[in-house]
């Protein structure tokens, strides 16, 4: 179960979602991307309710990370690459 969440992320910015396994990080991203529907509440993008908008018509995407994508990097290097100003 996810608790109430208000998240404000600027367009074209880079954000990270940190937390322990099972805390809902992927679930939040998958709901925002539209792959699953929230059981309560709504998803707003640019102040528009997109809760019922199909995933293919939304901007945000969610990809499952693969630790082998950057095997030469440490977890810290991978999470902070590329460096943000």
PDB file of N, CA and C in Angstrom:
ATOM      1  N   UNK A   1       0.837  -1.161   0.000  1.00  0.00           N
ATOM      2  CA  UNK A   1       0.000   0.000   0.000  1.00  0.00           C
ATOM      3  C   UNK A   1       0.898   1.246   0.000  1.00  0.00           C
ATOM      4  N   UNK A   2       0.587   2.159  -0.876  1.00  0.00           N
ATOM      5  CA  UNK A   2       1.275   3.443  -0.901  1.00  0.00           C
ATOM      6  C   UNK A   2       0.477   4.452  -0.095  1.00  0.00           C
ATOM      7  N   UNK A   3       1.166   5.323   0.571  1.00  0.00           N
ATOM      8  CA  UNK A   3       0.513   6.400   1.294  1.00  0.00           C
ATOM      9  C   UNK A   3       0.434   7.613   0.389  1.00  0.00           C
ATOM     10  N   UNK A   4      -0.265   8.644   0.821  1.00  0.00           N
ATOM     11  CA  UNK A   4      -0.421   9.851   0.026  1.00  0.00           C
ATOM     12  C   UNK A   4       0.942  10.384  -0.404  1.00  0.00           C
ATOM     13  N   UNK A   5       1.009  10.803  -1.651  1.00  0.00           N
ATOM     14  CA  UNK A   5       2.257  11.318  -2.195  1.00  0.00           C
ATOM     15  C   UNK A   5       1.973  12.526  -3.062  1.00  0.00           C
ATOM     16  N   UNK A   6       2.686  13.594  -2.834  1.00  0.00           N
ATOM     17  CA  UNK A   6       2.660  14.761  -3.700  1.00  0.00           C
ATOM     18  C   UNK A   6       4.084  14.940  -4.196  1.00  0.00           C
ATOM     19  N   UNK A   7       4.251  14.920  -5.492  1.00  0.00           N
ATOM     20  CA  UNK A   7       5.576  14.974  -6.098  1.00  0.00           C
ATOM     21  C   UNK A   7       5.576  16.030  -7.179  1.00  0.00           C
ATOM     22  N   UNK A   8       6.501  16.949  -7.104  1.00  0.00           N
ATOM     23  CA  UNK A   8       6.610  18.014  -8.089  1.00  0.00           C
ATOM     24  C   UNK A   8       7.990  17.938  -8.725  1.00  0.00           C
ATOM     25  N   UNK A   9       8.034  17.560  -9.992  1.00  0.00           N
ATOM     26  CA  UNK A   9       9.291  17.413 -10.722  1.00  0.00           C
ATOM     27  C   UNK A   9       9.245  18.316 -11.941  1.00  0.00           C
ATOM     28  N   UNK A  10      10.279  19.116 -12.107  1.00  0.00           N
ATOM     29  CA  UNK A  10      10.327  20.021 -13.253  1.00  0.00           C
ATOM     30  C   UNK A  10      10.550  19.257 -14.549  1.00  0.00           C
ATOM     31  N   UNK A  11       9.931  19.747 -15.612  1.00  0.00           N
ATOM     32  CA  UNK A  11      10.095  19.158 -16.936  1.00  0.00           C
ATOM     33  C   UNK A  11      11.576  19.191 -17.322  1.00  0.00           C
ATOM     34  N   UNK A  12      12.030  18.138 -17.965  1.00  0.00           N
ATOM     35  CA  UNK A  12      13.402  17.995 -18.460  1.00  0.00           C
ATOM     36  C   UNK A  12      14.433  18.009 -17.330  1.00  0.00           C
ATOM     37  N   UNK A  13      14.005  17.681 -16.128  1.00  0.00           N
ATOM     38  CA  UNK A  13      14.951  17.589 -15.023  1.00  0.00           C
ATOM     39  C   UNK A  13      15.254  16.113 -14.757  1.00  0.00           C
ATOM     40  N   UNK A  14      16.242  15.888 -13.963  1.00  0.00           N
ATOM     41  CA  UNK A  14      16.596  14.530 -13.583  1.00  0.00           C
ATOM     42  C   UNK A  14      16.319  14.370 -12.101  1.00  0.00           C
ATOM     43  N   UNK A  15      15.601  13.330 -11.750  1.00  0.00           N
ATOM     44  CA  UNK A  15      15.275  13.080 -10.348  1.00  0.00           C
ATOM     45  C   UNK A  15      15.561  11.633 -10.020  1.00  0.00           C
ATOM     46  N   UNK A  16      15.775  11.379  -8.760  1.00  0.00           N
ATOM     47  CA  UNK A  16      16.020  10.018  -8.301  1.00  0.00           C
ATOM     48  C   UNK A  16      15.059   9.690  -7.173  1.00  0.00           C
ATOM     49  N   UNK A  17      14.698   8.428  -7.106  1.00  0.00           N
ATOM     50  CA  UNK A  17      13.792   7.955  -6.069  1.00  0.00           C
ATOM     51  C   UNK A  17      14.545   6.888  -5.273  1.00  0.00           C
ATOM     52  N   UNK A  18      14.864   7.199  -4.020  1.00  0.00           N
ATOM     53  CA  UNK A  18      15.653   6.311  -3.176  1.00  0.00           C
ATOM     54  C   UNK A  18      14.786   5.712  -2.071  1.00  0.00           C
ATOM     55  N   UNK A  19      15.097   4.490  -1.700  1.00  0.00           N
ATOM     56  CA  UNK A  19      14.407   3.868  -0.587  1.00  0.00           C
ATOM     57  C   UNK A  19      14.685   2.384  -0.553  1.00  0.00           C
ATOM     58  N   UNK A  20      14.329   1.742   0.533  1.00  0.00           N
ATOM     59  CA  UNK A  20      14.582   0.312   0.658  1.00  0.00           C
ATOM     60  C   UNK A  20      13.696  -0.515  -0.268  1.00  0.00           C
ATOM     61  N   UNK A  21      14.109  -1.730  -0.497  1.00  0.00           N
ATOM     62  CA  UNK A  21      13.341  -2.658  -1.311  1.00  0.00           C
ATOM     63  C   UNK A  21      11.935  -2.807  -0.732  1.00  0.00           C
ATOM     64  N   UNK A  22      10.941  -2.735  -1.602  1.00  0.00           N
ATOM     65  CA  UNK A  22       9.563  -2.906  -1.164  1.00  0.00           C
ATOM     66  C   UNK A  22       8.888  -1.643  -0.663  1.00  0.00           C
ATOM     67  N   UNK A  23       9.556  -0.495  -0.772  1.00  0.00           N
ATOM     68  CA  UNK A  23       8.969   0.740  -0.239  1.00  0.00           C
ATOM     69  C   UNK A  23       8.025   1.438  -1.212  1.00  0.00           C
ATOM     70  N   UNK A  24       7.954   0.968  -2.465  1.00  0.00           N
ATOM     71  CA  UNK A  24       7.001   1.531  -3.415  1.00  0.00           C
ATOM     72  C   UNK A  24       7.602   2.411  -4.497  1.00  0.00           C
ATOM     73  N   UNK A  25       8.925   2.460  -4.598  1.00  0.00           N
ATOM     74  CA  UNK A  25       9.583   3.319  -5.600  1.00  0.00           C
ATOM     75  C   UNK A  25       9.129   2.962  -7.020  1.00  0.00           C
ATOM     76  N   UNK A  26       9.252   1.719  -7.381  1.00  0.00           N
ATOM     77  CA  UNK A  26       8.865   1.296  -8.730  1.00  0.00           C
ATOM     78  C   UNK A  26       7.369   1.445  -8.940  1.00  0.00           C
ATOM     79  N   UNK A  27       6.577   1.148  -7.920  1.00  0.00           N
ATOM     80  CA  UNK A  27       5.124   1.264  -8.038  1.00  0.00           C
ATOM     81  C   UNK A  27       4.725   2.707  -8.349  1.00  0.00           C
ATOM     82  N   UNK A  28       5.347   3.665  -7.677  1.00  0.00           N
ATOM     83  CA  UNK A  28       5.058   5.075  -7.948  1.00  0.00           C
ATOM     84  C   UNK A  28       5.376   5.418  -9.395  1.00  0.00           C
ATOM     85  N   UNK A  29       6.553   5.015  -9.856  1.00  0.00           N
ATOM     86  CA  UNK A  29       6.960   5.334 -11.227  1.00  0.00           C
ATOM     87  C   UNK A  29       6.061   4.655 -12.262  1.00  0.00           C
ATOM     88  N   UNK A  30       5.662   3.426 -11.988  1.00  0.00           N
ATOM     89  CA  UNK A  30       4.792   2.699 -12.918  1.00  0.00           C
ATOM     90  C   UNK A  30       3.403   3.347 -12.966  1.00  0.00           C
ATOM     91  N   UNK A  31       2.903   3.842 -11.839  1.00  0.00           N
ATOM     92  CA  UNK A  31       1.610   4.541 -11.815  1.00  0.00           C
ATOM     93  C   UNK A  31       1.713   5.840 -12.607  1.00  0.00           C
ATOM     94  N   UNK A  32       2.775   6.614 -12.392  1.00  0.00           N
ATOM     95  CA  UNK A  32       2.949   7.870 -13.133  1.00  0.00           C
ATOM     96  C   UNK A  32       3.046   7.597 -14.631  1.00  0.00           C
ATOM     97  N   UNK A  33       3.754   6.546 -15.008  1.00  0.00           N
ATOM     98  CA  UNK A  33       3.899   6.199 -16.421  1.00  0.00           C
ATOM     99  C   UNK A  33       2.598   5.669 -17.020  1.00  0.00           C
ATOM    100  N   UNK A  34       1.677   5.191 -16.184  1.00  0.00           N
ATOM    101  CA  UNK A  34       0.377   4.734 -16.662  1.00  0.00           C
ATOM    102  C   UNK A  34       0.257   3.244 -16.911  1.00  0.00           C
ATOM    103  N   UNK A  35       1.261   2.471 -16.498  1.00  0.00           N
ATOM    104  CA  UNK A  35       1.197   1.024 -16.720  1.00  0.00           C
ATOM    105  C   UNK A  35       0.201   0.344 -15.780  1.00  0.00           C
ATOM    106  N   UNK A  36       0.000   0.926 -14.598  1.00  0.00           N
ATOM    107  CA  UNK A  36      -1.037   0.437 -13.689  1.00  0.00           C
ATOM    108  C   UNK A  36      -1.813   1.647 -13.178  1.00  0.00           C
ATOM    109  N   UNK A  37      -3.054   1.412 -12.815  1.00  0.00           N
ATOM    110  CA  UNK A  37      -3.927   2.476 -12.328  1.00  0.00           C
ATOM    111  C   UNK A  37      -3.896   2.506 -10.802  1.00  0.00           C
ATOM    112  N   UNK A  38      -3.897   3.704 -10.218  1.00  0.00           N
ATOM    113  CA  UNK A  38      -3.989   3.769  -8.760  1.00  0.00           C
ATOM    114  C   UNK A  38      -5.386   3.338  -8.315  1.00  0.00           C
ATOM    115  N   UNK A  39      -5.480   2.722  -7.157  1.00  0.00           N
ATOM    116  CA  UNK A  39      -6.800   2.311  -6.658  1.00  0.00           C
ATOM    117  C   UNK A  39      -7.547   3.500  -6.067  1.00  0.00           C
ATOM    118  N   UNK A  40      -6.817   4.509  -5.618  1.00  0.00           N
ATOM    119  CA  UNK A  40      -7.419   5.754  -5.144  1.00  0.00           C
ATOM    120  C   UNK A  40      -6.532   6.900  -5.602  1.00  0.00           C
ATOM    121  N   UNK A  41      -7.060   8.099  -5.541  1.00  0.00           N
ATOM    122  CA  UNK A  41      -6.273   9.264  -5.896  1.00  0.00           C
ATOM    123  C   UNK A  41      -6.214   9.501  -7.394  1.00  0.00           C
ATOM    124  N   UNK A  42      -5.342  10.407  -7.811  1.00  0.00           N
ATOM    125  CA  UNK A  42      -5.231  10.790  -9.213  1.00  0.00           C
ATOM    126  C   UNK A  42      -3.786  11.125  -9.548  1.00  0.00           C
ATOM    127  N   UNK A  43      -3.487  11.078 -10.828  1.00  0.00           N
ATOM    128  CA  UNK A  43      -2.161  11.439 -11.330  1.00  0.00           C
ATOM    129  C   UNK A  43      -2.325  12.682 -12.195  1.00  0.00           C
ATOM    130  N   UNK A  44      -1.594  13.725 -11.855  1.00  0.00           N
ATOM    131  CA  UNK A  44      -1.636  14.970 -12.614  1.00  0.00           C
ATOM    132  C   UNK A  44      -0.288  15.224 -13.253  1.00  0.00           C
ATOM    133  N   UNK A  45      -0.295  15.538 -14.539  1.00  0.00           N
ATOM    134  CA  UNK A  45       0.903  15.964 -15.255  1.00  0.00           C
ATOM    135  C   UNK A  45       0.601  17.318 -15.864  1.00  0.00           C
ATOM    136  N   UNK A  46       1.421  18.307 -15.551  1.00  0.00           N
ATOM    137  CA  UNK A  46       1.175  19.684 -16.009  1.00  0.00           C
ATOM    138  C   UNK A  46      -0.224  20.148 -15.634  1.00  0.00           C
ATOM    139  N   UNK A  47      -0.642  19.846 -14.414  1.00  0.00           N
ATOM    140  CA  UNK A  47      -1.951  20.248 -13.881  1.00  0.00           C
ATOM    141  C   UNK A  47      -3.134  19.634 -14.621  1.00  0.00           C
ATOM    142  N   UNK A  48      -2.908  18.561 -15.367  1.00  0.00           N
ATOM    143  CA  UNK A  48      -3.970  17.856 -16.089  1.00  0.00           C
ATOM    144  C   UNK A  48      -4.102  16.458 -15.491  1.00  0.00           C
ATOM    145  N   UNK A  49      -5.331  16.073 -15.151  1.00  0.00           N
ATOM    146  CA  UNK A  49      -5.573  14.737 -14.607  1.00  0.00           C
ATOM    147  C   UNK A  49      -5.400  13.713 -15.727  1.00  0.00           C
ATOM    148  N   UNK A  50      -4.369  12.880 -15.612  1.00  0.00           N
ATOM    149  CA  UNK A  50      -4.093  11.867 -16.638  1.00  0.00           C
ATOM    150  C   UNK A  50      -4.312  10.456 -16.100  1.00  0.00           C
ATOM    151  N   UNK A  51      -5.044  10.354 -14.997  1.00  0.00           N
ATOM    152  CA  UNK A  51      -5.251   9.060 -14.367  1.00  0.00           C
ATOM    153  C   UNK A  51      -5.827   8.036 -15.339  1.00  0.00           C
ATOM    154  N   UNK A  52      -6.732   8.445 -16.202  1.00  0.00           N
ATOM    155  CA  UNK A  52      -7.367   7.529 -17.151  1.00  0.00           C
ATOM    156  C   UNK A  52      -6.718   7.551 -18.534  1.00  0.00           C
ATOM    157  N   UNK A  53      -5.689   8.343 -18.727  1.00  0.00           N
ATOM    158  CA  UNK A  53      -5.013   8.427 -20.028  1.00  0.00           C
ATOM    159  C   UNK A  53      -4.127   7.191 -20.195  1.00  0.00           C
ATOM    160  N   UNK A  54      -4.221   6.492 -21.335  1.00  0.00           N
ATOM    161  CA  UNK A  54      -3.389   5.299 -21.555  1.00  0.00           C
ATOM    162  C   UNK A  54      -1.897   5.626 -21.507  1.00  0.00           C
ATOM    163  N   UNK A  55      -1.100   4.663 -21.087  1.00  0.00           N
ATOM    164  CA  UNK A  55       0.346   4.851 -20.958  1.00  0.00           C
ATOM    165  C   UNK A  55       0.974   5.330 -22.264  1.00  0.00           C
ATOM    166  N   UNK A  56       0.512   4.838 -23.405  1.00  0.00           N
ATOM    167  CA  UNK A  56       1.109   5.206 -24.695  1.00  0.00           C
ATOM    168  C   UNK A  56       0.898   6.683 -25.036  1.00  0.00           C
ATOM    169  N   UNK A  57      -0.037   7.334 -24.338  1.00  0.00           N
ATOM    170  CA  UNK A  57      -0.312   8.744 -24.601  1.00  0.00           C
ATOM    171  C   UNK A  57       0.278   9.678 -23.539  1.00  0.00           C
ATOM    172  N   UNK A  58       1.009   9.113 -22.587  1.00  0.00           N
ATOM    173  CA  UNK A  58       1.641   9.922 -21.543  1.00  0.00           C
ATOM    174  C   UNK A  58       3.108  10.137 -21.901  1.00  0.00           C
ATOM    175  N   UNK A  59       3.686  11.195 -21.359  1.00  0.00           N
ATOM    176  CA  UNK A  59       5.096  11.472 -21.606  1.00  0.00           C
ATOM    177  C   UNK A  59       6.057  10.625 -20.795  1.00  0.00           C
ATOM    178  N   UNK A  60       5.847  10.493 -19.480  1.00  0.00           N
ATOM    179  CA  UNK A  60       6.816   9.758 -18.656  1.00  0.00           C
ATOM    180  C   UNK A  60       6.883   8.281 -19.018  1.00  0.00           C
ATOM    181  N   UNK A  61       8.073   7.741 -18.909  1.00  0.00           N
ATOM    182  CA  UNK A  61       8.292   6.316 -19.154  1.00  0.00           C
ATOM    183  C   UNK A  61       8.990   5.718 -17.943  1.00  0.00           C
ATOM    184  N   UNK A  62       8.850   4.426 -17.790  1.00  0.00           N
ATOM    185  CA  UNK A  62       9.527   3.721 -16.703  1.00  0.00           C
ATOM    186  C   UNK A  62      10.256   2.539 -17.310  1.00  0.00           C
ATOM    187  N   UNK A  63      11.541   2.439 -17.009  1.00  0.00           N
ATOM    188  CA  UNK A  63      12.328   1.293 -17.460  1.00  0.00           C
ATOM    189  C   UNK A  63      12.883   0.564 -16.257  1.00  0.00           C
ATOM    190  N   UNK A  64      12.900  -0.745 -16.348  1.00  0.00           N
ATOM    191  CA  UNK A  64      13.430  -1.538 -15.246  1.00  0.00           C
ATOM    192  C   UNK A  64      14.954  -1.499 -15.325  1.00  0.00           C
ATOM    193  N   UNK A  65      15.611  -1.105 -14.240  1.00  0.00           N
ATOM    194  CA  UNK A  65      17.070  -1.029 -14.279  1.00  0.00           C
ATOM    195  C   UNK A  65      17.712  -2.405 -14.352  1.00  0.00           C
ATOM    196  N   UNK A  66      18.857  -2.454 -14.950  1.00  0.00           N
ATOM    197  CA  UNK A  66      19.611  -3.699 -15.061  1.00  0.00           C
ATOM    198  C   UNK A  66      21.018  -3.414 -14.562  1.00  0.00           C
ATOM    199  N   UNK A  67      21.421  -4.090 -13.504  1.00  0.00           N
ATOM    200  CA  UNK A  67      22.731  -3.813 -12.927  1.00  0.00           C
ATOM    201  C   UNK A  67      23.860  -4.049 -13.912  1.00  0.00           C
ATOM    202  N   UNK A  68      23.615  -4.836 -14.959  1.00  0.00           N
ATOM    203  CA  UNK A  68      24.671  -5.158 -15.914  1.00  0.00           C
ATOM    204  C   UNK A  68      24.843  -4.071 -16.978  1.00  0.00           C
ATOM    205  N   UNK A  69      24.003  -3.052 -16.993  1.00  0.00           N
ATOM    206  CA  UNK A  69      24.134  -2.008 -17.998  1.00  0.00           C
ATOM    207  C   UNK A  69      25.440  -1.239 -17.850  1.00  0.00           C
ATOM    208  N   UNK A  70      25.848  -0.984 -16.637  1.00  0.00           N
ATOM    209  CA  UNK A  70      27.078  -0.249 -16.364  1.00  0.00           C
ATOM    210  C   UNK A  70      27.935  -1.072 -15.398  1.00  0.00           C
ATOM    211  N   UNK A  71      28.378  -2.251 -15.800  1.00  0.00           N
ATOM    212  CA  UNK A  71      29.076  -3.137 -14.868  1.00  0.00           C
ATOM    213  C   UNK A  71      30.417  -2.586 -14.373  1.00  0.00           C
ATOM    214  N   UNK A  72      30.972  -1.608 -15.086  1.00  0.00           N
ATOM    215  CA  UNK A  72      32.251  -1.032 -14.691  1.00  0.00           C
ATOM    216  C   UNK A  72      32.098   0.062 -13.637  1.00  0.00           C
ATOM    217  N   UNK A  73      30.855   0.423 -13.282  1.00  0.00           N
ATOM    218  CA  UNK A  73      30.613   1.494 -12.327  1.00  0.00           C
ATOM    219  C   UNK A  73      30.193   0.938 -10.974  1.00  0.00           C
ATOM    220  N   UNK A  74      30.487   1.716  -9.933  1.00  0.00           N
ATOM    221  CA  UNK A  74      29.956   1.389  -8.618  1.00  0.00           C
ATOM    222  C   UNK A  74      28.486   1.823  -8.599  1.00  0.00           C
ATOM    223  N   UNK A  75      27.745   1.414  -7.583  1.00  0.00           N
ATOM    224  CA  UNK A  75      26.354   1.823  -7.463  1.00  0.00           C
ATOM    225  C   UNK A  75      26.269   3.345  -7.388  1.00  0.00           C
ATOM    226  N   UNK A  76      27.167   3.976  -6.610  1.00  0.00           N
ATOM    227  CA  UNK A  76      27.165   5.433  -6.485  1.00  0.00           C
ATOM    228  C   UNK A  76      27.439   6.090  -7.838  1.00  0.00           C
ATOM    229  N   UNK A  77      28.450   5.607  -8.564  1.00  0.00           N
ATOM    230  CA  UNK A  77      28.773   6.184  -9.878  1.00  0.00           C
ATOM    231  C   UNK A  77      27.591   6.048 -10.840  1.00  0.00           C
ATOM    232  N   UNK A  78      26.955   4.888 -10.837  1.00  0.00           N
ATOM    233  CA  UNK A  78      25.826   4.652 -11.725  1.00  0.00           C
ATOM    234  C   UNK A  78      24.659   5.583 -11.383  1.00  0.00           C
ATOM    235  N   UNK A  79      24.396   5.771 -10.087  1.00  0.00           N
ATOM    236  CA  UNK A  79      23.261   6.598  -9.652  1.00  0.00           C
ATOM    237  C   UNK A  79      23.512   8.084  -9.865  1.00  0.00           C
ATOM    238  N   UNK A  80      24.760   8.494  -9.958  1.00  0.00           N
ATOM    239  CA  UNK A  80      25.055   9.913 -10.102  1.00  0.00           C
ATOM    240  C   UNK A  80      25.557  10.266 -11.496  1.00  0.00           C
ATOM    241  N   UNK A  81      25.536   9.317 -12.423  1.00  0.00           N
ATOM    242  CA  UNK A  81      25.991   9.590 -13.791  1.00  0.00           C
ATOM    243  C   UNK A  81      24.802   9.929 -14.664  1.00  0.00           C
ATOM    244  N   UNK A  82      24.812  10.892 -15.546  1.00  0.00           N
ATOM    245  CA  UNK A  82      25.887  11.877 -15.648  1.00  0.00           C
ATOM    246  C   UNK A  82      25.768  12.888 -14.518  1.00  0.00           C
ATOM    247  N   UNK A  83      26.851  13.507 -14.193  1.00  0.00           N
ATOM    248  CA  UNK A  83      26.839  14.495 -13.106  1.00  0.00           C
ATOM    249  C   UNK A  83      25.929  15.654 -13.469  1.00  0.00           C
ATOM    250  N   UNK A  84      25.146  16.070 -12.521  1.00  0.00           N
ATOM    251  CA  UNK A  84      24.243  17.194 -12.733  1.00  0.00           C
ATOM    252  C   UNK A  84      24.889  18.463 -12.218  1.00  0.00           C
ATOM    253  N   UNK A  85      24.618  19.594 -12.882  1.00  0.00           N
ATOM    254  CA  UNK A  85      25.214  20.853 -12.433  1.00  0.00           C
ATOM    255  C   UNK A  85      24.729  21.244 -11.043  1.00  0.00           C
TER     256      UNK A  85
END
